[in-house]
């Protein structure tokens, strides 16, 4: 169980790092900061809510066993946080700040191969 918890913590750290290093270029910094804050304000409470609901249900079902429900609720809450961050990043990059509405200097030319 400890190994999986360490893996979840590493995965959470990588996800947060990637979220901020994949900011769309050519968008206003203030709007981007507000969007990033909103995604975090949704992802963190969603993970906490799912974890606490699952923990309460597991304790109600088996009150004498507390170790496994704590572990499972942490893993479920972390998974919900990861899914919310992923969906928030996709919405941010493709719907809130779509590539065609970014500044022209930030547009990346299409990839060209040496074969045409």
Foldseek 3Di string as FASTA:
>chain_A
DVVVVVVLVVVLVVLVVVLVVPQQPQDDPVVSVVLVVVLVVVLQVQLVVQLVVQQVVVCVVPVVDRPVSNVVSNVSSSVSSSVSSVVSSCCNDPPVCNQVNGDPVRRDDDDDDPVD
